[in-house]
Amino acid sequence: MARPVVLQVGFGNFGRTHLAAWTRLGLAAELHLVDPDPAARKAARAAGLPESRVGRDLDEFLDLADIVDIVSATDTHLDVCLRALAADKDVAIEKPMSVDLDEARRMAGAVAQSGRCLQVGFYFRFHPLGLEMKRRLASGALGDIRYLGARFSGFKRARGDSGVLLNDVVHFIDLQRWLLGESPETVHATLRDHFQRGFDDMAFLEMSYASGAVARIEAGCTLPGRWMDDIVAGATASKTIEVIGSEGALEVDFVRGRLLHHEVRHDWRDGLWRPSFGETRRPHLPTADPTDVVTTSLGAFLEARATGRRPEADAISAGVEIARILDAAQRSAATGRAVELEGAE
């Protein structure tokens, strides 16, 4: 089978990582790139792409491509995605697919109508630690899941195009949903815009699930981070998640690359529920930098495309469902009340 031709749309901060990932996958020789920003196009040429394969607009290379990789700003996703699907191209798209629920539904409908493959690039699903968490939950090692807590914080720049809900919290909304295999029934959110710029710089979410699990996410660009960030230069970061079950607990630190599995349960003894401790294990897992993770993500996309199976991070589960939760969070923050979600789509 001939190697597919990739058209990458966007060469901002994460666009460089995508180019490096396509290179590792052996697809850089025929990769084309478009970006309306002259500085981005100059940077792409400096990264080694020849002038003949760098352009301004999607239409310059769309006919040549088999795959469109959307790494542009979220507000461009709808137009680029619909144009790519209409041209019969498979689509890899960075998170979130859309922050607008109606747009997400339009994109999912276009995927279904076209029969093409679309995968949403939720980073932590493809991280070795995320994959190991999923494996351990699927094995039943933690028993019944009761609580998931996450923190995505650090002293860093406040982005000019979005707040922490849509840029940071969304990662752990998806990760928690993926780990549990279900969408929340209720969402309660608190957002704060201390800089008065129209975007939140602090966000807190609480979610409850039909299984009985509850989840919490805390994020902010003005909250401390314990380590130097591995993605945003000059920023500190904490990217942690805990999963608590009836038979054990996981503690994961994505920045430090560490997973702890505590074997612990509560038993009724002497008139009280008391903890019974087993081992605490720290499995040896491969280290991963951002290019490693994106390579795994795009590799999974290529496999789904080649086999004809629907990717796990598809337009419904990782697109529409995430947009529904974001929509509920924003409505909750506006009213100060929890918002109930109807059944998953």
C-alpha atoms as a PDB file:
ATOM      1  CA  MET A   1       0.000   0.000   0.000  1.00  0.00           C
ATOM      2  CA  ALA A   2       1.312   3.451  -0.922  1.00  0.00           C
ATOM      3  CA  ARG A   3       2.147   5.719   1.958  1.00  0.00           C
ATOM      4  CA  PRO A   4      -0.553   8.329   2.555  1.00  0.00           C
ATOM      5  CA  VAL A   5       0.081  11.983   1.834  1.00  0.00           C
ATOM      6  CA  VAL A   6      -0.497  14.182   4.875  1.00  0.00           C
ATOM      7  CA  LEU A   7      -1.667  17.780   4.773  1.00  0.00           C
ATOM      8  CA  GLN A   8      -0.983  19.412   8.138  1.00  0.00           C
ATOM      9  CA  VAL A   9      -3.071  22.498   8.833  1.00  0.00           C
ATOM     10  CA  GLY A  10      -1.356  24.768  11.338  1.00  0.00           C
ATOM     11  CA  PHE A  11       2.207  25.231  12.558  1.00  0.00           C
ATOM     12  CA  GLY A  12       1.827  26.860  15.940  1.00  0.00           C
ATOM     13  CA  ASN A  13       3.337  25.601  19.182  1.00  0.00           C
ATOM     14  CA  PHE A  14       1.965  22.047  18.889  1.00  0.00           C
ATOM     15  CA  GLY A  15       2.301  21.970  15.105  1.00  0.00           C
ATOM     16  CA  ARG A  16       6.034  21.414  15.483  1.00  0.00           C
ATOM     17  CA  THR A  17       5.321  18.346  17.602  1.00  0.00           C
ATOM     18  CA  HIS A  18       2.970  16.972  14.955  1.00  0.00           C
ATOM     19  CA  LEU A  19       5.593  17.453  12.254  1.00  0.00           C
ATOM     20  CA  ALA A  20       8.142  15.598  14.403  1.00  0.00           C
ATOM     21  CA  ALA A  21       5.624  12.780  14.963  1.00  0.00           C
ATOM     22  CA  TRP A  22       4.844  12.411  11.243  1.00  0.00           C
ATOM     23  CA  THR A  23       8.600  12.313  10.645  1.00  0.00           C
ATOM     24  CA  ARG A  24       8.986   9.429  13.104  1.00  0.00           C
ATOM     25  CA  LEU A  25       6.150   7.631  11.338  1.00  0.00           C
ATOM     26  CA  GLY A  26       8.004   7.949   8.037  1.00  0.00           C
ATOM     27  CA  LEU A  27       5.516  10.323   6.397  1.00  0.00           C
ATOM     28  CA  ALA A  28       7.421  13.611   6.343  1.00  0.00           C
ATOM     29  CA  ALA A  29       8.819  13.184   2.821  1.00  0.00           C
ATOM     30  CA  GLU A  30       5.426  13.882   1.255  1.00  0.00           C
ATOM     31  CA  LEU A  31       3.931  16.030   3.999  1.00  0.00           C
ATOM     32  CA  HIS A  32       2.434  19.371   2.958  1.00  0.00           C
ATOM     33  CA  LEU A  33       1.601  22.184   5.351  1.00  0.00           C
ATOM     34  CA  VAL A  34      -0.609  25.261   5.268  1.00  0.00           C
ATOM     35  CA  ASP A  35      -0.907  28.156   7.686  1.00  0.00           C
ATOM     36  CA  PRO A  36      -2.222  31.684   6.999  1.00  0.00           C
ATOM     37  CA  ASP A  37       0.444  33.203   9.277  1.00  0.00           C
ATOM     38  CA  PRO A  38       3.617  34.184   7.358  1.00  0.00           C
ATOM     39  CA  ALA A  39       5.740  33.675  10.499  1.00  0.00           C
ATOM     40  CA  ALA A  40       4.409  30.130  10.862  1.00  0.00           C
ATOM     41  CA  ARG A  41       5.166  29.351   7.215  1.00  0.00           C
ATOM     42  CA  LYS A  42       8.676  30.702   7.648  1.00  0.00           C
ATOM     43  CA  ALA A  43       9.139  28.513  10.723  1.00  0.00           C
ATOM     44  CA  ALA A  44       7.893  25.469   8.804  1.00  0.00           C
ATOM     45  CA  ARG A  45      10.442  26.093   6.052  1.00  0.00           C
ATOM     46  CA  ALA A  46      13.137  26.541   8.685  1.00  0.00           C
ATOM     47  CA  ALA A  47      12.099  23.168  10.125  1.00  0.00           C
ATOM     48  CA  GLY A  48      13.006  21.544   6.814  1.00  0.00           C
ATOM     49  CA  LEU A  49       9.848  21.635   4.690  1.00  0.00           C
ATOM     50  CA  PRO A  50      10.587  22.791   1.137  1.00  0.00           C
ATOM     51  CA  GLU A  51       8.959  25.924  -0.210  1.00  0.00           C
ATOM     52  CA  SER A  52       6.922  23.872  -2.684  1.00  0.00           C
ATOM     53  CA  ARG A  53       5.140  22.034   0.135  1.00  0.00           C
ATOM     54  CA  VAL A  54       4.308  25.037   2.333  1.00  0.00           C
ATOM     55  CA  GLY A  55       1.256  27.144   1.567  1.00  0.00           C
ATOM     56  CA  ARG A  56      -1.289  29.537   2.966  1.00  0.00           C
ATOM     57  CA  ASP A  57      -4.673  27.942   2.228  1.00  0.00           C
ATOM     58  CA  LEU A  58      -6.147  24.463   2.479  1.00  0.00           C
ATOM     59  CA  ASP A  59      -7.138  24.375  -1.187  1.00  0.00           C
ATOM     60  CA  GLU A  60      -3.519  24.648  -2.349  1.00  0.00           C
ATOM     61  CA  PHE A  61      -2.817  21.010  -1.457  1.00  0.00           C
ATOM     62  CA  LEU A  62      -6.157  19.423  -0.525  1.00  0.00           C
ATOM     63  CA  ASP A  63      -6.458  17.441  -3.759  1.00  0.00           C
ATOM     64  CA  LEU A  64      -3.023  15.883  -3.167  1.00  0.00           C
ATOM     65  CA  ALA A  65      -3.722  14.713   0.381  1.00  0.00           C
ATOM     66  CA  ASP A  66      -5.070  11.466   1.765  1.00  0.00           C
ATOM     67  CA  ILE A  67      -5.071  12.738   5.371  1.00  0.00           C
ATOM     68  CA  VAL A  68      -5.780  16.197   6.775  1.00  0.00           C
ATOM     69  CA  ASP A  69      -4.193  16.802  10.190  1.00  0.00           C
ATOM     70  CA  ILE A  70      -5.876  19.781  11.853  1.00  0.00           C
ATOM     71  CA  VAL A  71      -3.579  21.507  14.346  1.00  0.00           C
ATOM     72  CA  SER A  72      -5.008  25.001  13.880  1.00  0.00           C
ATOM     73  CA  ALA A  73      -6.997  27.128  16.336  1.00  0.00           C
ATOM     74  CA  THR A  74     -10.221  25.530  17.553  1.00  0.00           C
ATOM     75  CA  ASP A  75     -12.407  28.177  15.918  1.00  0.00           C
ATOM     76  CA  THR A  76     -11.125  27.006  12.515  1.00  0.00           C
ATOM     77  CA  HIS A  77     -11.889  23.309  13.102  1.00  0.00           C
ATOM     78  CA  LEU A  78     -15.428  23.266  11.715  1.00  0.00           C
ATOM     79  CA  ASP A  79     -14.586  24.815   8.364  1.00  0.00           C
ATOM     80  CA  VAL A  80     -11.395  22.809   7.795  1.00  0.00           C
ATOM     81  CA  CYS A  81     -12.960  19.533   8.936  1.00  0.00           C
ATOM     82  CA  LEU A  82     -16.059  19.883   6.756  1.00  0.00           C
ATOM     83  CA  ARG A  83     -13.976  20.820   3.725  1.00  0.00           C
ATOM     84  CA  ALA A  84     -11.659  17.857   4.272  1.00  0.00           C
ATOM     85  CA  LEU A  85     -14.504  15.371   4.692  1.00  0.00           C
ATOM     86  CA  ALA A  86     -16.323  16.757   1.656  1.00  0.00           C
ATOM     87  CA  ALA A  87     -13.121  16.134  -0.310  1.00  0.00           C
ATOM     88  CA  ASP A  88     -13.142  12.500   0.893  1.00  0.00           C
ATOM     89  CA  LYS A  89     -10.141  12.825   3.235  1.00  0.00           C
ATOM     90  CA  ASP A  90      -9.515  11.152   6.579  1.00  0.00           C
ATOM     91  CA  VAL A  91      -9.063  13.606   9.445  1.00  0.00           C
ATOM     92  CA  ALA A  92      -6.891  13.774  12.532  1.00  0.00           C
ATOM     93  CA  ILE A  93      -7.940  16.738  14.652  1.00  0.00           C
ATOM     94  CA  GLU A  94      -6.440  18.174  17.814  1.00  0.00           C
ATOM     95  CA  LYS A  95      -8.577  18.528  20.919  1.00  0.00           C
ATOM     96  CA  PRO A  96     -11.190  19.762  21.387  1.00  0.00           C
ATOM     97  CA  MET A  97     -12.912  18.831  18.135  1.00  0.00           C
ATOM     98  CA  SER A  98     -15.218  21.763  18.837  1.00  0.00           C
ATOM     99  CA  VAL A  99     -16.279  23.731  21.895  1.00  0.00           C
ATOM    100  CA  ASP A 100     -19.669  24.410  20.313  1.00  0.00           C
ATOM    101  CA  LEU A 101     -22.167  21.568  20.653  1.00  0.00           C
ATOM    102  CA  ASP A 102     -24.029  22.287  17.411  1.00  0.00           C
ATOM    103  CA  GLU A 103     -20.728  22.450  15.520  1.00  0.00           C
ATOM    104  CA  ALA A 104     -19.596  19.155  17.047  1.00  0.00           C
ATOM    105  CA  ARG A 105     -22.835  17.502  15.954  1.00  0.00           C
ATOM    106  CA  ARG A 106     -22.411  18.857  12.420  1.00  0.00           C
ATOM    107  CA  MET A 107     -18.888  17.463  12.263  1.00  0.00           C
ATOM    108  CA  ALA A 108     -19.966  14.059  13.598  1.00  0.00           C
ATOM    109  CA  GLY A 109     -22.804  13.984  11.060  1.00  0.00           C
ATOM    110  CA  ALA A 110     -20.362  14.767   8.259  1.00  0.00           C
ATOM    111  CA  VAL A 111     -18.089  11.925   9.412  1.00  0.00           C
ATOM    112  CA  ALA A 112     -21.008   9.479   9.397  1.00  0.00           C
ATOM    113  CA  GLN A 113     -22.182  10.641   5.960  1.00  0.00           C
ATOM    114  CA  SER A 114     -18.715  10.509   4.409  1.00  0.00           C
ATOM    115  CA  GLY A 115     -17.683   7.180   5.925  1.00  0.00           C
ATOM    116  CA  ARG A 116     -14.215   8.608   6.530  1.00  0.00           C
ATOM    117  CA  CYS A 117     -12.019   8.096   9.587  1.00  0.00           C
ATOM    118  CA  LEU A 118     -11.766  10.911  12.150  1.00  0.00           C
ATOM    119  CA  GLN A 119      -9.763  10.780  15.380  1.00  0.00           C
ATOM    120  CA  VAL A 120      -9.580  13.470  18.069  1.00  0.00           C
ATOM    121  CA  GLY A 121      -6.096  13.915  19.520  1.00  0.00           C
ATOM    122  CA  PHE A 122      -6.630  13.811  23.254  1.00  0.00           C
ATOM    123  CA  TYR A 123      -3.044  13.708  24.489  1.00  0.00           C
ATOM    124  CA  PHE A 124      -3.371  11.842  27.785  1.00  0.00           C
ATOM    125  CA  ARG A 125      -5.273   8.892  26.271  1.00  0.00           C
ATOM    126  CA  PHE A 126      -2.112   8.071  24.325  1.00  0.00           C
ATOM    127  CA  HIS A 127       0.403   8.713  27.099  1.00  0.00           C
ATOM    128  CA  PRO A 128       1.966   5.511  28.553  1.00  0.00           C
ATOM    129  CA  LEU A 129       0.573   6.441  31.967  1.00  0.00           C
ATOM    130  CA  GLY A 130      -2.936   6.975  30.601  1.00  0.00           C
ATOM    131  CA  LEU A 131      -2.814   3.661  28.754  1.00  0.00           C
ATOM    132  CA  GLU A 132      -1.615   1.882  31.903  1.00  0.00           C
ATOM    133  CA  MET A 133      -4.394   3.449  33.970  1.00  0.00           C
ATOM    134  CA  LYS A 134      -6.961   2.241  31.452  1.00  0.00           C
ATOM    135  CA  ARG A 135      -5.479  -1.269  31.542  1.00  0.00           C
ATOM    136  CA  ARG A 136      -5.602  -1.463  35.331  1.00  0.00           C
ATOM    137  CA  LEU A 137      -9.172  -0.201  35.557  1.00  0.00           C
ATOM    138  CA  ALA A 138     -10.287  -2.596  32.827  1.00  0.00           C
ATOM    139  CA  SER A 139      -8.717  -5.509  34.738  1.00  0.00           C
ATOM    140  CA  GLY A 140     -10.866  -4.727  37.790  1.00  0.00           C
ATOM    141  CA  ALA A 141      -7.794  -4.267  39.981  1.00  0.00           C
ATOM    142  CA  LEU A 142      -9.307  -1.213  41.683  1.00  0.00           C
ATOM    143  CA  GLY A 143     -12.759  -2.691  42.229  1.00  0.00           C
ATOM    144  CA  ASP A 144     -15.690  -0.280  42.044  1.00  0.00           C
ATOM    145  CA  ILE A 145     -14.510   3.218  41.094  1.00  0.00           C
ATOM    146  CA  ARG A 146     -15.637   5.795  43.619  1.00  0.00           C
ATOM    147  CA  TYR A 147     -13.671   8.983  42.939  1.00  0.00           C
ATOM    148  CA  LEU A 148     -11.431  10.624  40.338  1.00  0.00           C
ATOM    149  CA  GLY A 149      -9.557  13.797  41.203  1.00  0.00           C
ATOM    150  CA  ALA A 150      -7.354  15.784  38.825  1.00  0.00           C
ATOM    151  CA  ARG A 151      -5.244  18.922  38.863  1.00  0.00           C
ATOM    152  CA  PHE A 152      -3.941  20.734  35.766  1.00  0.00           C
ATOM    153  CA  SER A 153      -2.293  23.902  37.000  1.00  0.00           C
ATOM    154  CA  GLY A 154       0.797  26.055  36.864  1.00  0.00           C
ATOM    155  CA  PHE A 155       2.116  29.569  36.686  1.00  0.00           C
ATOM    156  CA  LYS A 156       1.993  30.174  32.939  1.00  0.00           C
ATOM    157  CA  ARG A 157       0.817  32.607  30.288  1.00  0.00           C
ATOM    158  CA  ALA A 158      -2.898  33.241  29.938  1.00  0.00           C
ATOM    159  CA  ARG A 159      -3.644  32.240  26.353  1.00  0.00           C
ATOM    160  CA  GLY A 160      -5.168  34.868  24.110  1.00  0.00           C
ATOM    161  CA  ASP A 161      -7.599  32.520  22.361  1.00  0.00           C
ATOM    162  CA  SER A 162      -9.184  30.475  25.177  1.00  0.00           C
ATOM    163  CA  GLY A 163      -9.415  29.864  28.896  1.00  0.00           C
ATOM    164  CA  VAL A 164      -8.268  26.980  31.039  1.00  0.00           C
ATOM    165  CA  LEU A 165     -11.623  25.161  30.763  1.00  0.00           C
ATOM    166  CA  LEU A 166     -11.268  24.718  27.003  1.00  0.00           C
ATOM    167  CA  ASN A 167      -7.487  24.363  26.932  1.00  0.00           C
ATOM    168  CA  ASP A 168      -6.589  22.386  30.079  1.00  0.00           C
ATOM    169  CA  VAL A 169      -9.650  21.023  31.887  1.00  0.00           C
ATOM    170  CA  VAL A 170     -10.899  19.459  28.660  1.00  0.00           C
ATOM    171  CA  HIS A 171      -7.972  17.014  28.755  1.00  0.00           C
ATOM    172  CA  PHE A 172      -9.072  15.510  32.058  1.00  0.00           C
ATOM    173  CA  ILE A 173     -12.775  15.661  31.216  1.00  0.00           C
ATOM    174  CA  ASP A 174     -11.956  13.317  28.354  1.00  0.00           C
ATOM    175  CA  LEU A 175      -9.514  11.185  30.344  1.00  0.00           C
ATOM    176  CA  GLN A 176     -11.972  10.642  33.187  1.00  0.00           C
ATOM    177  CA  ARG A 177     -14.783   9.838  30.773  1.00  0.00           C
ATOM    178  CA  TRP A 178     -12.545   7.396  28.881  1.00  0.00           C
ATOM    179  CA  LEU A 179     -11.369   5.662  32.045  1.00  0.00           C
ATOM    180  CA  LEU A 180     -14.904   5.240  33.364  1.00  0.00           C
ATOM    181  CA  GLY A 181     -16.489   4.443  30.017  1.00  0.00           C
ATOM    182  CA  GLU A 182     -19.416   6.769  30.695  1.00  0.00           C
ATOM    183  CA  SER A 183     -20.414  10.424  30.520  1.00  0.00           C
ATOM    184  CA  PRO A 184     -21.388  12.308  33.676  1.00  0.00           C
ATOM    185  CA  GLU A 185     -25.014  12.756  34.685  1.00  0.00           C
ATOM    186  CA  THR A 186     -24.436  16.136  36.343  1.00  0.00           C
ATOM    187  CA  VAL A 187     -21.825  18.871  35.972  1.00  0.00           C
ATOM    188  CA  HIS A 188     -21.197  21.718  38.385  1.00  0.00           C
ATOM    189  CA  ALA A 189     -18.601  24.301  37.368  1.00  0.00           C
ATOM    190  CA  THR A 190     -17.052  27.448  38.776  1.00  0.00           C
ATOM    191  CA  LEU A 191     -15.059  29.688  36.411  1.00  0.00           C
ATOM    192  CA  ARG A 192     -13.158  32.880  37.209  1.00  0.00           C
ATOM    193  CA  ASP A 193     -11.823  35.572  34.871  1.00  0.00           C
ATOM    194  CA  HIS A 194      -9.513  37.560  37.129  1.00  0.00           C
ATOM    195  CA  PHE A 195      -7.794  39.324  34.228  1.00  0.00           C
ATOM    196  CA  GLN A 196     -11.121  40.512  32.761  1.00  0.00           C
ATOM    197  CA  ARG A 197     -10.134  39.327  29.273  1.00  0.00           C
ATOM    198  CA  GLY A 198     -13.229  37.294  28.422  1.00  0.00           C
ATOM    199  CA  PHE A 199     -11.661  33.897  29.186  1.00  0.00           C
ATOM    200  CA  ASP A 200     -11.432  31.973  32.440  1.00  0.00           C
ATOM    201  CA  ASP A 201      -8.033  31.723  34.127  1.00  0.00           C
ATOM    202  CA  MET A 202      -9.295  29.430  36.926  1.00  0.00           C
ATOM    203  CA  ALA A 203     -11.773  26.544  36.683  1.00  0.00           C
ATOM    204  CA  PHE A 204     -13.246  23.945  39.041  1.00  0.00           C
ATOM    205  CA  LEU A 205     -15.523  21.103  37.924  1.00  0.00           C
ATOM    206  CA  GLU A 206     -17.442  18.488  39.863  1.00  0.00           C
ATOM    207  CA  MET A 207     -19.183  15.660  38.024  1.00  0.00           C
ATOM    208  CA  SER A 208     -21.290  12.690  39.076  1.00  0.00           C
ATOM    209  CA  TYR A 209     -21.847   9.464  37.142  1.00  0.00           C
ATOM    210  CA  ALA A 210     -24.575   6.852  37.002  1.00  0.00           C
ATOM    211  CA  SER A 211     -22.120   4.224  38.270  1.00  0.00           C
ATOM    212  CA  GLY A 212     -21.845   6.125  41.543  1.00  0.00           C
ATOM    213  CA  ALA A 213     -18.429   7.627  40.839  1.00  0.00           C
ATOM    214  CA  VAL A 214     -17.772  11.316  41.410  1.00  0.00           C
ATOM    215  CA  ALA A 215     -15.011  13.388  39.818  1.00  0.00           C
ATOM    216  CA  ARG A 216     -13.349  16.721  40.400  1.00  0.00           C
ATOM    217  CA  ILE A 217     -10.977  18.774  38.241  1.00  0.00           C
ATOM    218  CA  GLU A 218      -9.057  21.864  39.327  1.00  0.00           C
ATOM    219  CA  ALA A 219      -7.147  24.018  36.846  1.00  0.00           C
ATOM    220  CA  GLY A 220      -5.656  27.473  36.542  1.00  0.00           C
ATOM    221  CA  CYS A 221      -2.815  29.462  35.044  1.00  0.00           C
ATOM    222  CA  THR A 222      -2.401  31.348  38.345  1.00  0.00           C
ATOM    223  CA  LEU A 223      -2.275  28.220  40.538  1.00  0.00           C
ATOM    224  CA  PRO A 224       1.050  26.673  41.543  1.00  0.00           C
ATOM    225  CA  GLY A 225       2.661  23.919  39.533  1.00  0.00           C
ATOM    226  CA  ARG A 226       5.229  21.642  41.131  1.00  0.00           C
ATOM    227  CA  TRP A 227       7.521  21.090  38.130  1.00  0.00           C
ATOM    228  CA  MET A 228       8.737  22.834  34.986  1.00  0.00           C
ATOM    229  CA  ASP A 229       6.303  22.153  32.143  1.00  0.00           C
ATOM    230  CA  ASP A 230       7.435  19.761  29.408  1.00  0.00           C
ATOM    231  CA  ILE A 231       5.259  21.454  26.758  1.00  0.00           C
ATOM    232  CA  VAL A 232       5.000  25.192  27.583  1.00  0.00           C
ATOM    233  CA  ALA A 233       8.460  26.736  27.894  1.00  0.00           C
ATOM    234  CA  GLY A 234       9.051  28.864  30.982  1.00  0.00           C
ATOM    235  CA  ALA A 235       5.950  27.603  32.802  1.00  0.00           C
ATOM    236  CA  THR A 236       5.459  25.467  35.868  1.00  0.00           C
ATOM    237  CA  ALA A 237       3.005  22.596  35.852  1.00  0.00           C
ATOM    238  CA  SER A 238       1.141  20.030  37.894  1.00  0.00           C
ATOM    239  CA  LYS A 239      -0.712  17.420  35.812  1.00  0.00           C
ATOM    240  CA  THR A 240      -1.940  14.784  38.213  1.00  0.00           C
ATOM    241  CA  ILE A 241      -4.879  12.431  38.546  1.00  0.00           C
ATOM    242  CA  GLU A 242      -6.040  10.069  41.274  1.00  0.00           C
ATOM    243  CA  VAL A 243      -8.465   7.188  40.850  1.00  0.00           C
ATOM    244  CA  ILE A 244      -9.924   5.702  44.016  1.00  0.00           C
ATOM    245  CA  GLY A 245     -11.684   2.339  44.010  1.00  0.00           C
ATOM    246  CA  SER A 246     -13.039  -0.109  46.562  1.00  0.00           C
ATOM    247  CA  GLU A 247      -9.925  -2.304  46.203  1.00  0.00           C
ATOM    248  CA  GLY A 248      -7.150   0.200  45.581  1.00  0.00           C
ATOM    249  CA  ALA A 249      -6.052   3.569  44.271  1.00  0.00           C
ATOM    250  CA  LEU A 250      -3.878   5.012  41.521  1.00  0.00           C
ATOM    251  CA  GLU A 251      -1.822   8.183  41.798  1.00  0.00           C
ATOM    252  CA  VAL A 252      -0.423   9.475  38.504  1.00  0.00           C
ATOM    253  CA  ASP A 253       1.914  12.393  37.860  1.00  0.00           C
ATOM    254  CA  PHE A 254       2.179  13.039  34.125  1.00  0.00           C
ATOM    255  CA  VAL A 255       4.966  15.603  34.433  1.00  0.00           C
ATOM    256  CA  ARG A 256       7.196  13.340  36.540  1.00  0.00           C
ATOM    257  CA  GLY A 257       6.179  10.214  34.651  1.00  0.00           C
ATOM    258  CA  ARG A 258       5.138   8.268  37.745  1.00  0.00           C
ATOM    259  CA  LEU A 259       2.296   5.887  38.580  1.00  0.00           C
ATOM    260  CA  LEU A 260       1.687   4.482  42.048  1.00  0.00           C
ATOM    261  CA  HIS A 261      -0.770   1.642  42.603  1.00  0.00           C
ATOM    262  CA  HIS A 262      -1.865   1.321  46.230  1.00  0.00           C
ATOM    263  CA  GLU A 263      -3.489  -1.938  47.242  1.00  0.00           C
ATOM    264  CA  VAL A 264      -5.813  -0.742  49.988  1.00  0.00           C
ATOM    265  CA  ARG A 265      -9.377  -1.410  51.038  1.00  0.00           C
ATOM    266  CA  HIS A 266     -11.528  -0.711  54.073  1.00  0.00           C
ATOM    267  CA  ASP A 267     -12.763  -3.618  56.163  1.00  0.00           C
ATOM    268  CA  TRP A 268     -15.143  -3.674  59.143  1.00  0.00           C
ATOM    269  CA  ARG A 269     -13.044  -4.431  62.210  1.00  0.00           C
ATOM    270  CA  ASP A 270     -13.680  -3.754  65.886  1.00  0.00           C
ATOM    271  CA  GLY A 271     -16.733  -1.647  65.143  1.00  0.00           C
ATOM    272  CA  LEU A 272     -15.046   0.658  62.610  1.00  0.00           C
ATOM    273  CA  TRP A 273     -14.233   0.684  58.898  1.00  0.00           C
ATOM    274  CA  ARG A 274     -10.435   0.426  58.933  1.00  0.00           C
ATOM    275  CA  PRO A 275      -7.912   0.412  56.080  1.00  0.00           C
ATOM    276  CA  SER A 276      -6.220  -2.846  55.186  1.00  0.00           C
ATOM    277  CA  PHE A 277      -2.986  -2.225  53.323  1.00  0.00           C
ATOM    278  CA  GLY A 278      -1.352  -4.403  50.721  1.00  0.00           C
ATOM    279  CA  GLU A 279       1.575  -3.398  48.538  1.00  0.00           C
ATOM    280  CA  THR A 280       2.240  -0.061  46.896  1.00  0.00           C
ATOM    281  CA  ARG A 281       3.654  -0.704  43.429  1.00  0.00           C
ATOM    282  CA  ARG A 282       5.420   1.656  41.061  1.00  0.00           C
ATOM    283  CA  PRO A 283       5.551  -0.128  37.709  1.00  0.00           C
ATOM    284  CA  HIS A 284       8.371   0.596  35.315  1.00  0.00           C
ATOM    285  CA  LEU A 285       6.808   2.328  32.316  1.00  0.00           C
ATOM    286  CA  PRO A 286       8.470   3.855  29.261  1.00  0.00           C
ATOM    287  CA  THR A 287       9.241   7.544  29.471  1.00  0.00           C
ATOM    288  CA  ALA A 288       7.507   9.728  26.920  1.00  0.00           C
ATOM    289  CA  ASP A 289       8.052  13.237  25.664  1.00  0.00           C
ATOM    290  CA  PRO A 290       5.335  15.102  23.725  1.00  0.00           C
ATOM    291  CA  THR A 291       6.584  13.826  20.375  1.00  0.00           C
ATOM    292  CA  ASP A 292       6.432  10.230  21.670  1.00  0.00           C
ATOM    293  CA  VAL A 293       2.823  10.697  22.774  1.00  0.00           C
ATOM    294  CA  VAL A 294       1.679  12.362  19.559  1.00  0.00           C
ATOM    295  CA  THR A 295       3.444   9.659  17.550  1.00  0.00           C
ATOM    296  CA  THR A 296       1.439   7.041  19.458  1.00  0.00           C
ATOM    297  CA  SER A 297      -1.761   9.018  18.841  1.00  0.00           C
ATOM    298  CA  LEU A 298      -1.167   9.422  15.112  1.00  0.00           C
ATOM    299  CA  GLY A 299      -0.011   5.817  14.858  1.00  0.00           C
ATOM    300  CA  ALA A 300      -3.338   4.683  16.333  1.00  0.00           C
ATOM    301  CA  PHE A 301      -5.109   6.892  13.785  1.00  0.00           C
ATOM    302  CA  LEU A 302      -3.178   5.316  10.917  1.00  0.00           C
ATOM    303  CA  GLU A 303      -4.017   1.841  12.199  1.00  0.00           C
ATOM    304  CA  ALA A 304      -7.727   2.654  12.455  1.00  0.00           C
ATOM    305  CA  ARG A 305      -7.624   4.128   8.976  1.00  0.00           C
ATOM    306  CA  ALA A 306      -5.853   1.079   7.530  1.00  0.00           C
ATOM    307  CA  THR A 307      -8.116  -1.489   9.204  1.00  0.00           C
ATOM    308  CA  GLY A 308     -11.378   0.370   8.673  1.00  0.00           C
ATOM    309  CA  ARG A 309     -12.292   0.269  12.350  1.00  0.00           C
ATOM    310  CA  ARG A 310     -13.663   3.278  14.177  1.00  0.00           C
ATOM    311  CA  PRO A 311     -11.016   4.975  16.316  1.00  0.00           C
ATOM    312  CA  GLU A 312     -11.636   4.883  20.048  1.00  0.00           C
ATOM    313  CA  ALA A 313     -11.302   8.686  20.250  1.00  0.00           C
ATOM    314  CA  ASP A 314     -13.948   9.196  17.579  1.00  0.00           C
ATOM    315  CA  ALA A 315     -16.224  12.058  16.597  1.00  0.00           C
ATOM    316  CA  ILE A 316     -18.980  11.005  19.015  1.00  0.00           C
ATOM    317  CA  SER A 317     -17.191   9.826  22.163  1.00  0.00           C
ATOM    318  CA  ALA A 318     -14.309  12.300  21.983  1.00  0.00           C
ATOM    319  CA  GLY A 319     -16.066  15.024  20.011  1.00  0.00           C
ATOM    320  CA  VAL A 320     -19.779  15.461  20.644  1.00  0.00           C
ATOM    321  CA  GLU A 321     -19.715  14.032  24.184  1.00  0.00           C
ATOM    322  CA  ILE A 322     -16.896  16.342  25.241  1.00  0.00           C
ATOM    323  CA  ALA A 323     -18.683  19.321  23.673  1.00  0.00           C
ATOM    324  CA  ARG A 324     -21.829  18.377  25.641  1.00  0.00           C
ATOM    325  CA  ILE A 325     -19.878  18.367  28.900  1.00  0.00           C
ATOM    326  CA  LEU A 326     -18.171  21.679  28.095  1.00  0.00           C
ATOM    327  CA  ASP A 327     -21.548  23.188  27.228  1.00  0.00           C
ATOM    328  CA  ALA A 328     -22.978  21.971  30.539  1.00  0.00           C
ATOM    329  CA  ALA A 329     -19.970  23.373  32.425  1.00  0.00           C
ATOM    330  CA  GLN A 330     -20.376  26.800  30.881  1.00  0.00           C
ATOM    331  CA  ARG A 331     -24.125  26.838  31.600  1.00  0.00           C
ATOM    332  CA  SER A 332     -23.447  25.748  35.168  1.00  0.00           C
ATOM    333  CA  ALA A 333     -20.858  28.482  35.687  1.00  0.00           C
ATOM    334  CA  ALA A 334     -23.284  31.082  34.319  1.00  0.00           C
ATOM    335  CA  THR A 335     -26.114  30.048  36.659  1.00  0.00           C
ATOM    336  CA  GLY A 336     -24.194  28.829  39.704  1.00  0.00           C
ATOM    337  CA  ARG A 337     -26.151  25.556  39.621  1.00  0.00           C
ATOM    338  CA  ALA A 338     -25.414  21.978  38.659  1.00  0.00           C
ATOM    339  CA  VAL A 339     -26.557  21.025  35.156  1.00  0.00           C
ATOM    340  CA  GLU A 340     -28.025  17.626  34.334  1.00  0.00           C
ATOM    341  CA  LEU A 341     -27.023  15.911  31.098  1.00  0.00           C
ATOM    342  CA  GLU A 342     -29.332  13.625  29.212  1.00  0.00           C
ATOM    343  CA  GLY A 343     -28.077  10.202  28.112  1.00  0.00           C
ATOM    344  CA  ALA A 344     -25.011   9.949  25.935  1.00  0.00           C
ATOM    345  CA  GLU A 345     -25.471  10.457  22.182  1.00  0.00           C
END
